[in-house]
Amino acid sequence: MAQKKTKSLDKKKILIAVAAILVLALGISVAILAGPLSTLKEGRIHAGIFLGPVDVSDLTETEAEQKVLDYITEYEKGTIGFKISQNEKDYSANELKIEWTDKEAIKEAMDVGRAGSIFERYGAIKDLEKETKTIPLKLSYDKDAIDTMLKDMAEKYNEEAVDATIKRVDGKFQIHEGQEGIVLDEEKSREEIDKYFTERWNIEDRKVELVAMIQQPKGSVEELAKVKDLLGSFSTVCGSGERVINIKNGASRINGSVVYPGEVFSANAPMEPYTAAAGYVLGGTYENGQSVQSYGGGICQVSTTLYNAALFAELEIVQRDNHSMMVGYVQPSMDAAIAGTWKDLKFRNNTNAPIYIEGGTSGGKIFFNIYGQETRDPGRKLSFVSETLSVTEPEVQIRENANQPVGYFTNVGEAHTGMKAKLWKIVTENGKETSRTEVNSSSYQMTPSVYEVGTGGASESQLAAIRAGIEAKSPEQVQAAASAAAAPAEPPKEPEKPSTTPSSQAQP
């Protein structure tokens, strides 16, 4: 029993001894850590600390803030150079609305050696003995002003790539190599500007290198050299007159277009805008079921002719709309209307080489030729056949106009036959039909022939005669009644006078 008590006492002595050692060790550690911490001066930033480029060692918060403000004021007196490639332009701090708003940096400087555990504070002070500490001094700037500056720089100094070109002259193709361009990368340049103002700005370094990227030209001589075969061709009769001016202008704007593999071509895009300034004149066009005069009237014949050339080239038709009413220069379902961007002809280059579009007018016709790289079998032939599904003959409408005098009669609305039709693509190989595919289905509205007859000043009987013709829907009858009503009345005949000549016959 005594032995057990002795062992228990020994354990307590050991524990007390260990605790004493730990306390002693802790006291020694605190004494060691307290040495460097004693270098902190009350209310002052520790030595060796910079706010950006500004040394704020041993300063109070107020003194540090004033020193930073003085430095920024000096910085704002100068300009900042922004450079793209070999070009540079200076902007003042006022233009960019540069300010210092990050006052938390002062507190962060004051907290070095004061914030955190005793070990963290000790570590911070020991680090300062080895090297200085720089806390980023962030400047703010107006993002809209920076955007304006970047757009200005891009406008002045961008060197756009020059695409490779191909042109058909006197039946031969001329090809010219393109050139690389250097353009401003605005997004990455914004990142560089932000890094400059938040990390590395100072009075001495007033330059910001903007990010430029190499812009590759579209196409190459090797690629365009593949364009040598006629893939599809079509022409329509356009006649003469004012309308042809628009057709010629529209075709010239499309002529020379190059469409690379996978690209979609819009017939409307190069022909816009349809204005007098763009070379267009007033011409007939369809609008709300009526024929009207508008600038560019006739350009639908341009898109129609191009549509058929694209069909023969077997390009992928992305968008095609038929006219609201029938046109006279192609068969039903072979037309392609243009009406701004909501009715357009679009096709995709689904070949493996660029295509070149040649278009113009000659001999009273408009034509389009599509060139590219032919890969189809020479024995494969195409034809397109229009099939009429139904026909709706135009009606006759005759209306009275009391504001016109009796005798007035004119046609005010052109008749158009309504129709539904399909277009078929027929493929023959070595003279034998191998496929028949529906290309499109089109529906054309019927519009009546509208006449107007004047009834101003007509008598009841004349009005009745005119209305009888209207009810019969007979323009001939109405016109005859109107003409009769407008004819001057014959003067009344004078009564015959008795004869004074003696009778030649003897009286019985």
Protein backbone atom coordinates (compact mmCIF):
# COMPACT_ATOMS: atom_id res chain seq x y z
CA MET A 1 0.00 0.00 0.00
CA ALA A 2 2.80 2.38 0.83
CA GLN A 3 4.44 1.49 -2.44
CA LYS A 4 1.37 2.58 -4.41
CA LYS A 5 1.23 5.99 -2.68
CA THR A 6 4.90 6.54 -3.49
CA LYS A 7 4.30 5.92 -7.22
CA SER A 8 1.32 8.34 -7.25
CA LEU A 9 3.44 11.05 -5.66
CA ASP A 10 6.17 10.50 -8.24
CA LYS A 11 3.70 11.03 -11.13
CA LYS A 12 2.47 14.32 -9.61
CA LYS A 13 6.03 15.54 -9.23
CA ILE A 14 6.72 14.71 -12.89
CA LEU A 15 3.62 16.58 -14.07
CA ILE A 16 4.48 19.60 -11.99
CA ALA A 17 7.99 19.58 -13.39
CA VAL A 18 6.73 19.36 -17.01
CA ALA A 19 4.30 22.21 -16.42
CA ALA A 20 7.04 24.32 -14.97
CA ILE A 21 9.23 23.63 -18.00
CA LEU A 22 6.41 24.59 -20.39
CA VAL A 23 5.72 27.81 -18.54
CA LEU A 24 9.39 28.62 -18.59
CA ALA A 25 9.60 27.82 -22.31
CA LEU A 26 6.55 29.94 -23.04
CA GLY A 27 7.97 32.79 -21.09
CA ILE A 28 11.23 32.52 -23.00
CA SER A 29 9.30 32.38 -26.34
CA VAL A 30 7.23 35.42 -25.48
CA ALA A 31 10.38 37.26 -24.47
CA ILE A 32 12.00 36.30 -27.80
CA LEU A 33 8.92 37.33 -29.84
CA ALA A 34 8.53 40.53 -27.91
CA GLY A 35 11.95 41.73 -29.01
CA PRO A 36 11.08 42.45 -32.70
CA LEU A 37 7.56 43.63 -31.78
CA SER A 38 9.11 46.28 -29.60
CA THR A 39 10.27 48.06 -32.75
CA LEU A 40 6.65 49.08 -33.48
CA LYS A 41 6.08 52.74 -32.72
CA GLU A 42 2.76 53.79 -31.29
CA GLY A 43 0.45 55.17 -33.99
CA ARG A 44 3.05 54.86 -36.73
CA ILE A 45 3.50 52.55 -39.69
CA HIS A 46 6.44 50.18 -39.38
CA ALA A 47 9.58 50.94 -41.34
CA GLY A 48 10.03 49.28 -44.71
CA ILE A 49 6.40 49.58 -45.91
CA PHE A 50 5.41 51.15 -49.22
CA LEU A 51 2.00 52.09 -50.55
CA GLY A 52 2.55 51.45 -54.21
CA PRO A 53 5.60 53.56 -55.09
CA VAL A 54 5.25 55.72 -51.92
CA ASP A 55 7.45 55.01 -48.87
CA VAL A 56 5.26 55.45 -45.76
CA SER A 57 7.77 54.19 -43.17
CA ASP A 58 7.32 55.65 -39.64
CA LEU A 59 4.37 57.82 -40.73
CA THR A 60 1.02 58.22 -39.01
CA GLU A 61 -2.09 57.36 -41.02
CA THR A 62 -2.75 61.05 -41.65
CA GLU A 63 0.84 61.69 -42.75
CA ALA A 64 0.80 58.61 -44.99
CA GLU A 65 -2.45 59.66 -46.64
CA GLN A 66 -1.13 63.15 -47.33
CA LYS A 67 2.10 61.82 -48.78
CA VAL A 68 0.17 59.53 -51.11
CA LEU A 69 -2.10 62.39 -52.16
CA ASP A 70 0.92 64.58 -52.91
CA TYR A 71 2.41 61.81 -55.03
CA ILE A 72 -0.85 61.26 -56.94
CA THR A 73 -1.22 65.00 -57.51
CA GLU A 74 2.25 65.03 -59.05
CA TYR A 75 1.35 61.97 -61.14
CA GLU A 76 -1.84 63.63 -62.41
CA LYS A 77 0.13 66.62 -63.74
CA GLY A 78 1.58 64.55 -66.54
CA THR A 79 0.10 62.35 -69.22
CA ILE A 80 -0.12 58.61 -69.68
CA GLY A 81 1.03 57.12 -72.97
CA PHE A 82 -0.95 54.28 -74.51
CA LYS A 83 0.89 52.33 -77.17
CA ILE A 84 -0.31 49.99 -79.91
CA SER A 85 2.32 48.46 -82.15
CA GLN A 86 4.59 51.37 -83.15
CA ASN A 87 1.98 54.03 -82.45
CA GLU A 88 1.46 55.90 -79.19
CA LYS A 89 -0.94 58.56 -77.95
CA ASP A 90 -0.94 60.47 -74.65
CA TYR A 91 -3.99 61.07 -72.46
CA SER A 92 -4.18 63.23 -69.34
CA ALA A 93 -5.29 61.86 -65.98
CA ASN A 94 -8.21 64.28 -66.09
CA GLU A 95 -9.43 62.80 -69.36
CA LEU A 96 -9.52 59.35 -67.78
CA LYS A 97 -10.87 60.68 -64.44
CA ILE A 98 -8.13 58.98 -62.40
CA GLU A 99 -8.65 59.08 -58.62
CA TRP A 100 -7.42 57.41 -55.45
CA THR A 101 -10.36 55.99 -53.54
CA ASP A 102 -8.81 52.91 -51.91
CA LYS A 103 -8.13 54.45 -48.45
CA GLU A 104 -8.18 50.97 -46.87
CA ALA A 105 -4.57 50.62 -48.03
CA ILE A 106 -3.51 53.06 -45.27
CA LYS A 107 -5.12 50.89 -42.58
CA GLU A 108 -3.55 47.77 -44.10
CA ALA A 109 -0.11 49.42 -43.83
CA MET A 110 -0.73 50.37 -40.21
CA ASP A 111 -1.85 46.81 -39.35
CA VAL A 112 1.43 45.22 -40.44
CA GLY A 113 2.95 43.79 -37.24
CA ARG A 114 -0.18 44.63 -35.26
CA ALA A 115 -2.89 42.36 -36.68
CA GLY A 116 -3.18 38.62 -36.06
CA SER A 117 -1.66 36.28 -33.49
CA ILE A 118 1.64 37.01 -31.81
CA PHE A 119 3.32 34.55 -34.14
CA GLU A 120 1.79 36.22 -37.25
CA ARG A 121 2.87 39.64 -36.04
CA TYR A 122 6.36 38.34 -35.29
CA GLY A 123 6.58 36.83 -38.76
CA ALA A 124 5.49 40.09 -40.40
CA ILE A 125 8.16 42.09 -38.55
CA LYS A 126 10.89 39.55 -39.32
CA ASP A 127 9.93 39.67 -43.02
CA LEU A 128 10.41 43.44 -42.99
CA GLU A 129 13.94 42.93 -41.70
CA LYS A 130 14.72 40.99 -44.87
CA GLU A 131 12.92 43.10 -47.48
CA THR A 132 10.44 45.94 -47.84
CA LYS A 133 6.73 45.27 -48.18
CA THR A 134 4.67 46.93 -50.93
CA ILE A 135 0.93 47.23 -50.61
CA PRO A 136 -0.70 47.93 -53.98
CA LEU A 137 -1.96 51.48 -54.28
CA LYS A 138 -4.98 51.14 -56.51
CA LEU A 139 -6.18 54.00 -58.64
CA SER A 140 -9.72 54.13 -60.00
CA TYR A 141 -10.58 55.35 -63.48
CA ASP A 142 -13.66 56.00 -65.56
CA LYS A 143 -14.44 52.87 -67.58
CA ASP A 144 -16.45 54.82 -70.16
CA ALA A 145 -13.50 57.16 -70.69
CA ILE A 146 -11.22 54.13 -71.16
CA ASP A 147 -13.66 52.64 -73.68
CA THR A 148 -13.73 55.92 -75.58
CA MET A 149 -9.93 56.04 -75.56
CA LEU A 150 -9.66 52.46 -76.86
CA LYS A 151 -12.14 53.10 -79.66
CA ASP A 152 -10.21 56.24 -80.57
CA MET A 153 -6.93 54.30 -80.63
CA ALA A 154 -8.49 51.52 -82.71
CA GLU A 155 -9.92 53.99 -85.21
CA LYS A 156 -6.58 55.79 -85.62
CA TYR A 157 -4.10 52.95 -85.56
CA ASN A 158 -5.78 49.70 -86.53
CA GLU A 159 -4.30 48.33 -89.71
CA GLU A 160 -7.02 46.07 -91.06
CA ALA A 161 -6.02 42.97 -92.96
CA VAL A 162 -6.36 43.20 -96.73
CA ASP A 163 -8.18 40.14 -98.02
CA ALA A 164 -6.95 38.21 -101.00
CA THR A 165 -8.92 39.23 -104.10
CA ILE A 166 -10.16 37.62 -107.27
CA LYS A 167 -11.64 39.41 -110.25
CA ARG A 168 -12.80 38.21 -113.63
CA VAL A 169 -11.51 40.47 -116.42
CA ASP A 170 -11.96 39.74 -120.12
CA GLY A 171 -12.89 36.14 -119.39
CA LYS A 172 -9.88 35.47 -117.13
CA PHE A 173 -9.42 35.48 -113.37
CA GLN A 174 -6.92 37.83 -111.74
CA ILE A 175 -5.87 36.92 -108.18
CA HIS A 176 -3.94 39.05 -105.67
CA GLU A 177 -2.51 37.95 -102.31
CA GLY A 178 -3.82 39.58 -99.15
CA GLN A 179 -1.90 41.24 -96.30
CA GLU A 180 -1.92 40.69 -92.55
CA GLY A 181 -3.31 43.40 -90.30
CA ILE A 182 -2.65 44.54 -86.73
CA VAL A 183 -5.71 45.44 -84.70
CA LEU A 184 -6.32 46.40 -81.09
CA ASP A 185 -7.63 43.66 -78.80
CA GLU A 186 -9.90 45.89 -76.70
CA GLU A 187 -10.84 43.25 -74.12
CA LYS A 188 -7.26 42.24 -73.29
CA SER A 189 -6.15 45.87 -73.41
CA ARG A 190 -8.70 46.70 -70.71
CA GLU A 191 -7.13 43.99 -68.55
CA GLU A 192 -3.65 45.49 -69.06
CA ILE A 193 -4.93 48.97 -68.19
CA ASP A 194 -6.53 47.64 -65.01
CA LYS A 195 -3.29 45.91 -63.98
CA TYR A 196 -1.37 49.12 -64.57
CA PHE A 197 -3.61 51.30 -62.39
CA THR A 198 -3.99 48.71 -59.61
CA GLU A 199 -0.48 47.25 -59.50
CA ARG A 200 2.39 49.05 -61.18
CA TRP A 201 1.71 52.72 -61.86
CA ASN A 202 4.23 55.39 -60.80
CA ILE A 203 5.50 58.81 -61.86
CA GLU A 204 8.41 57.41 -63.83
CA ASP A 205 6.47 54.69 -65.67
CA ARG A 206 3.69 56.42 -67.59
CA LYS A 207 3.40 53.93 -70.43
CA VAL A 208 0.75 51.27 -70.99
CA GLU A 209 1.39 48.69 -73.71
CA LEU A 210 -1.96 47.84 -75.22
CA VAL A 211 -2.57 44.38 -76.62
CA ALA A 212 -2.63 44.07 -80.41
CA MET A 213 -3.36 40.96 -82.38
CA ILE A 214 -2.44 39.86 -85.85
CA GLN A 215 -5.45 39.79 -88.15
CA GLN A 216 -5.20 37.24 -90.91
CA PRO A 217 -6.56 38.11 -94.35
CA LYS A 218 -9.43 36.11 -95.73
CA GLY A 219 -8.47 33.76 -98.52
CA SER A 220 -5.19 33.01 -100.21
CA VAL A 221 -3.87 32.74 -103.75
CA GLU A 222 -3.86 28.95 -103.45
CA GLU A 223 -7.46 28.86 -102.27
CA LEU A 224 -8.79 31.31 -104.87
CA ALA A 225 -6.92 29.51 -107.63
CA LYS A 226 -9.50 26.72 -107.28
CA VAL A 227 -12.12 29.04 -108.78
CA LYS A 228 -12.05 28.22 -112.48
CA ASP A 229 -15.18 26.21 -113.42
CA LEU A 230 -18.67 27.45 -114.32
CA LEU A 231 -21.00 25.78 -111.83
CA GLY A 232 -24.28 27.50 -112.70
CA SER A 233 -25.61 30.13 -115.07
CA PHE A 234 -28.97 31.80 -115.79
CA SER A 235 -30.37 34.84 -117.58
CA THR A 236 -33.74 36.58 -117.95
CA VAL A 237 -35.05 39.23 -120.35
CA CYS A 238 -35.24 42.63 -118.65
CA GLY A 239 -36.03 44.84 -121.66
CA SER A 240 -35.39 48.56 -121.38
CA GLY A 241 -36.60 51.64 -119.55
CA GLU A 242 -36.22 53.07 -116.04
CA ARG A 243 -36.68 49.67 -114.40
CA VAL A 244 -33.54 48.37 -116.13
CA ILE A 245 -31.47 51.06 -114.39
CA ASN A 246 -32.31 49.41 -111.07
CA ILE A 247 -31.64 45.92 -112.42
CA LYS A 248 -28.25 46.96 -113.77
CA ASN A 249 -27.35 48.74 -110.52
CA GLY A 250 -28.36 45.76 -108.37
CA ALA A 251 -26.45 43.27 -110.52
CA SER A 252 -23.31 45.43 -110.46
CA ARG A 253 -23.39 45.49 -106.65
CA ILE A 254 -23.45 41.69 -106.50
CA ASN A 255 -20.92 41.23 -109.29
CA GLY A 256 -17.52 40.10 -107.99
CA SER A 257 -18.83 38.71 -104.69
CA VAL A 258 -16.77 35.86 -103.23
CA VAL A 259 -18.38 33.32 -100.91
CA TYR A 260 -16.06 30.98 -99.01
CA PRO A 261 -16.95 27.40 -98.03
CA GLY A 262 -19.65 27.35 -95.35
CA GLU A 263 -20.52 31.04 -95.70
CA VAL A 264 -24.07 32.24 -96.39
CA PHE A 265 -24.58 34.88 -99.08
CA SER A 266 -27.43 37.42 -98.89
CA ALA A 267 -28.59 38.94 -102.18
CA ASN A 268 -30.19 41.84 -100.34
CA ALA A 269 -27.12 42.93 -98.34
CA PRO A 270 -24.90 44.19 -101.20
CA MET A 271 -27.83 45.81 -103.04
CA GLU A 272 -28.98 47.99 -100.13
CA PRO A 273 -29.83 50.79 -99.59
CA TYR A 274 -32.56 51.30 -102.18
CA THR A 275 -32.25 55.07 -102.47
CA ALA A 276 -31.62 57.67 -105.14
CA ALA A 277 -28.21 58.36 -103.56
CA ALA A 278 -27.30 54.71 -104.14
CA GLY A 279 -28.13 55.00 -107.85
CA TYR A 280 -31.69 53.66 -107.85
CA VAL A 281 -34.69 55.21 -109.60
CA LEU A 282 -38.45 54.74 -109.25
CA GLY A 283 -39.64 51.47 -110.72
CA GLY A 284 -42.57 49.09 -110.52
CA THR A 285 -42.76 46.67 -107.60
CA TYR A 286 -45.41 44.70 -105.70
CA GLU A 287 -46.72 46.00 -102.39
CA ASN A 288 -49.78 44.72 -100.52
CA GLY A 289 -51.12 43.02 -103.61
CA GLN A 290 -50.72 46.07 -105.83
CA SER A 291 -48.16 47.27 -108.33
CA VAL A 292 -46.56 50.49 -107.06
CA GLN A 293 -43.58 52.71 -107.86
CA SER A 294 -40.64 52.65 -105.45
CA TYR A 295 -36.89 53.22 -105.51
CA GLY A 296 -35.21 50.00 -106.55
CA GLY A 297 -38.31 48.61 -108.25
CA GLY A 298 -37.10 45.73 -110.40
CA ILE A 299 -34.37 44.34 -108.14
CA CYS A 300 -36.51 41.22 -107.59
CA GLN A 301 -35.56 40.22 -111.12
CA VAL A 302 -31.93 40.41 -109.98
CA SER A 303 -32.54 38.02 -107.07
CA THR A 304 -34.67 35.75 -109.25
CA THR A 305 -31.97 35.41 -111.89
CA LEU A 306 -29.34 34.76 -109.21
CA TYR A 307 -31.63 32.18 -107.54
CA ASN A 308 -31.79 30.10 -110.70
CA ALA A 309 -28.02 30.31 -111.22
CA ALA A 310 -27.57 29.07 -107.63
CA LEU A 311 -29.98 26.20 -108.31
CA PHE A 312 -27.93 25.08 -111.30
CA ALA A 313 -24.74 25.39 -109.20
CA GLU A 314 -26.53 23.18 -106.62
CA LEU A 315 -25.77 25.52 -103.75
CA GLU A 316 -27.78 25.13 -100.54
CA ILE A 317 -30.74 27.53 -100.59
CA VAL A 318 -31.14 28.92 -97.06
CA GLN A 319 -33.97 31.41 -97.73
CA ARG A 320 -36.19 32.04 -100.73
CA ASP A 321 -39.62 33.67 -100.88
CA ASN A 322 -41.93 33.78 -103.87
CA HIS A 323 -43.63 37.01 -104.92
CA SER A 324 -47.13 37.76 -103.68
CA MET A 325 -48.26 37.79 -107.32
CA MET A 326 -47.02 36.20 -110.51
CA VAL A 327 -44.12 37.73 -112.43
CA GLY A 328 -43.67 37.52 -116.16
CA TYR A 329 -39.94 36.91 -116.57
CA VAL A 330 -39.78 33.32 -115.21
CA GLN A 331 -42.09 30.36 -114.82
CA PRO A 332 -44.08 29.92 -111.57
CA SER A 333 -41.93 28.83 -108.58
CA MET A 334 -38.73 29.98 -110.29
CA ASP A 335 -38.89 33.50 -108.79
CA ALA A 336 -37.23 34.89 -105.63
CA ALA A 337 -38.58 38.07 -104.06
CA ILE A 338 -36.63 40.77 -102.22
CA ALA A 339 -38.28 42.92 -99.55
CA GLY A 340 -35.75 44.35 -97.11
CA THR A 341 -34.49 41.75 -94.66
CA TRP A 342 -37.74 39.83 -94.17
CA LYS A 343 -37.82 38.59 -97.76
CA ASP A 344 -34.33 37.78 -98.96
CA LEU A 345 -32.50 35.28 -101.12
CA LYS A 346 -29.79 33.50 -99.13
CA PHE A 347 -27.68 30.52 -100.08
CA ARG A 348 -24.75 28.70 -98.50
CA ASN A 349 -21.57 27.71 -100.27
CA ASN A 350 -21.72 23.99 -99.61
CA THR A 351 -18.69 23.21 -101.76
CA ASN A 352 -15.08 22.80 -100.64
CA ALA A 353 -13.79 25.81 -102.56
CA PRO A 354 -14.70 29.51 -102.83
CA ILE A 355 -17.33 30.57 -105.33
CA TYR A 356 -17.23 33.73 -107.43
CA ILE A 357 -20.42 35.47 -108.60
CA GLU A 358 -20.36 37.28 -111.93
CA GLY A 359 -23.40 39.35 -112.85
CA GLY A 360 -24.45 42.09 -115.23
CA THR A 361 -26.75 43.13 -118.08
CA SER A 362 -26.22 42.72 -121.81
CA GLY A 363 -28.44 42.68 -124.87
CA GLY A 364 -31.62 43.39 -122.92
CA LYS A 365 -30.92 40.55 -120.47
CA ILE A 366 -29.62 40.20 -116.94
CA PHE A 367 -27.30 37.25 -116.29
CA PHE A 368 -25.45 35.57 -113.43
CA ASN A 369 -22.60 33.08 -113.64
CA ILE A 370 -21.36 31.22 -110.57
CA TYR A 371 -17.79 29.93 -110.73
CA GLY A 372 -16.03 27.51 -108.41
CA GLN A 373 -14.43 24.08 -108.43
CA GLU A 374 -16.41 21.51 -110.36
CA THR A 375 -16.55 18.08 -108.75
CA ARG A 376 -19.71 16.74 -110.39
CA ASP A 377 -19.68 14.01 -113.02
CA PRO A 378 -19.64 15.46 -116.57
CA GLY A 379 -22.45 13.11 -117.55
CA ARG A 380 -24.75 14.47 -114.82
CA LYS A 381 -27.24 17.05 -116.13
CA LEU A 382 -29.79 19.23 -114.36
CA SER A 383 -33.13 20.68 -115.41
CA PHE A 384 -35.83 22.51 -113.47
CA VAL A 385 -39.51 22.12 -114.34
CA SER A 386 -42.41 24.22 -113.09
CA GLU A 387 -45.65 22.35 -112.38
CA THR A 388 -48.92 24.28 -112.08
CA LEU A 389 -51.18 22.80 -109.38
CA SER A 390 -54.15 25.17 -109.58
CA VAL A 391 -55.21 28.40 -111.29
CA THR A 392 -57.56 31.12 -110.03
CA GLU A 393 -58.72 33.47 -112.77
CA PRO A 394 -58.90 37.15 -111.82
CA GLU A 395 -62.25 38.70 -110.97
CA VAL A 396 -63.62 42.01 -112.22
CA GLN A 397 -64.49 44.82 -109.83
CA ILE A 398 -66.13 48.08 -110.94
CA ARG A 399 -66.73 50.92 -108.51
CA GLU A 400 -68.51 54.24 -108.77
CA ASN A 401 -66.76 57.56 -108.22
CA ALA A 402 -69.13 60.47 -107.76
CA ASN A 403 -66.17 62.87 -107.73
CA GLN A 404 -65.51 62.10 -111.41
CA PRO A 405 -67.86 63.31 -114.17
CA VAL A 406 -70.04 60.89 -116.02
CA GLY A 407 -68.12 59.47 -118.94
CA TYR A 408 -64.96 58.92 -116.88
CA PHE A 409 -63.90 55.25 -117.04
CA THR A 410 -60.42 53.84 -116.29
CA ASN A 411 -58.59 50.76 -115.04
CA VAL A 412 -57.08 51.40 -111.57
CA GLY A 413 -56.02 47.88 -110.60
CA GLU A 414 -54.11 45.38 -112.75
CA ALA A 415 -55.43 41.84 -112.81
CA HIS A 416 -53.22 38.93 -111.77
CA THR A 417 -54.03 35.27 -112.09
CA GLY A 418 -53.78 33.34 -108.84
CA MET A 419 -51.79 30.15 -108.90
CA LYS A 420 -50.23 27.34 -106.90
CA ALA A 421 -47.15 25.73 -108.34
CA LYS A 422 -44.17 23.49 -107.58
CA LEU A 423 -40.63 23.48 -108.92
CA TRP A 424 -38.96 20.13 -109.60
CA LYS A 425 -35.26 19.41 -109.90
CA ILE A 426 -34.61 16.64 -112.38
CA VAL A 427 -31.24 14.89 -112.57
CA THR A 428 -30.23 12.79 -115.55
CA GLU A 429 -27.06 10.79 -115.87
CA ASN A 430 -25.96 9.79 -119.34
CA GLY A 431 -29.42 10.73 -120.63
CA LYS A 432 -31.39 8.73 -118.04
CA GLU A 433 -33.43 10.34 -115.27
CA THR A 434 -32.06 9.31 -111.89
CA SER A 435 -33.96 11.61 -109.52
CA ARG A 436 -36.83 14.08 -109.34
CA THR A 437 -36.87 16.31 -106.23
CA GLU A 438 -39.27 19.04 -105.16
CA VAL A 439 -37.38 22.32 -104.85
CA ASN A 440 -40.17 24.54 -103.55
CA SER A 441 -43.91 25.08 -103.44
CA SER A 442 -45.27 28.54 -104.20
CA SER A 443 -48.63 30.22 -103.88
CA TYR A 444 -49.49 33.42 -105.79
CA GLN A 445 -52.55 35.44 -104.92
CA MET A 446 -55.22 36.45 -107.40
CA THR A 447 -55.85 40.17 -107.74
CA PRO A 448 -58.95 41.45 -109.52
CA SER A 449 -59.06 43.84 -112.42
CA VAL A 450 -60.42 47.02 -110.87
CA TYR A 451 -62.21 49.72 -112.88
CA GLU A 452 -63.55 53.09 -111.82
CA VAL A 453 -66.47 54.86 -113.47
CA GLY A 454 -67.49 58.47 -112.95
CA THR A 455 -71.11 59.17 -111.95
CA GLY A 456 -70.95 62.89 -111.25
CA GLY A 457 -73.84 64.65 -112.98
CA ALA A 458 -75.48 61.44 -114.27
CA SER A 459 -79.25 61.36 -114.60
CA GLU A 460 -81.31 58.62 -113.01
CA SER A 461 -81.62 56.74 -116.29
CA GLN A 462 -77.90 57.09 -117.04
CA LEU A 463 -77.01 55.93 -113.53
CA ALA A 464 -79.30 52.93 -113.92
CA ALA A 465 -77.60 51.95 -117.18
CA ILE A 466 -74.15 52.24 -115.57
CA ARG A 467 -75.17 50.20 -112.53
CA ALA A 468 -76.63 47.50 -114.72
CA GLY A 469 -73.18 47.04 -116.25
CA ILE A 470 -71.56 47.04 -112.78
CA GLU A 471 -73.94 44.32 -111.62
CA ALA A 472 -73.13 42.29 -114.71
CA LYS A 473 -69.37 42.81 -114.02
CA SER A 474 -69.00 43.87 -117.63
CA PRO A 475 -66.42 46.60 -118.21
CA GLU A 476 -67.58 46.87 -121.84
CA GLN A 477 -71.20 47.48 -120.82
CA VAL A 478 -70.24 50.03 -118.18
CA GLN A 479 -67.93 51.87 -120.56
CA ALA A 480 -70.64 51.99 -123.25
CA ALA A 481 -73.19 53.34 -120.75
CA ALA A 482 -70.71 55.93 -119.50
CA SER A 483 -69.86 57.02 -123.04
CA ALA A 484 -73.51 57.29 -123.94
CA ALA A 485 -74.23 59.35 -120.84
CA ALA A 486 -71.37 61.70 -121.67
CA ALA A 487 -72.37 62.14 -125.34
CA PRO A 488 -73.99 65.52 -126.16
CA ALA A 489 -77.76 65.38 -126.74
CA GLU A 490 -78.91 65.82 -130.38
CA PRO A 491 -80.73 69.14 -131.04
CA PRO A 492 -84.55 68.79 -131.58
CA LYS A 493 -85.66 68.55 -135.24
CA GLU A 494 -87.62 71.47 -136.76
CA PRO A 495 -91.19 70.59 -138.11
CA GLU A 496 -91.45 70.22 -141.91
CA LYS A 497 -92.94 73.21 -143.82
CA PRO A 498 -95.87 72.59 -146.30
CA SER A 499 -94.79 72.32 -149.94
CA THR A 500 -95.70 75.21 -152.39
CA THR A 501 -94.82 73.22 -155.51
CA PRO A 502 -97.94 72.28 -157.71
CA SER A 503 -98.67 68.63 -157.89
CA SER A 504 -97.52 66.98 -161.04
CA GLN A 505 -100.44 64.61 -161.04
CA ALA A 506 -103.86 65.54 -162.56
CA GLN A 507 -106.81 65.45 -160.31
CA PRO A 508 -109.53 63.20 -161.21
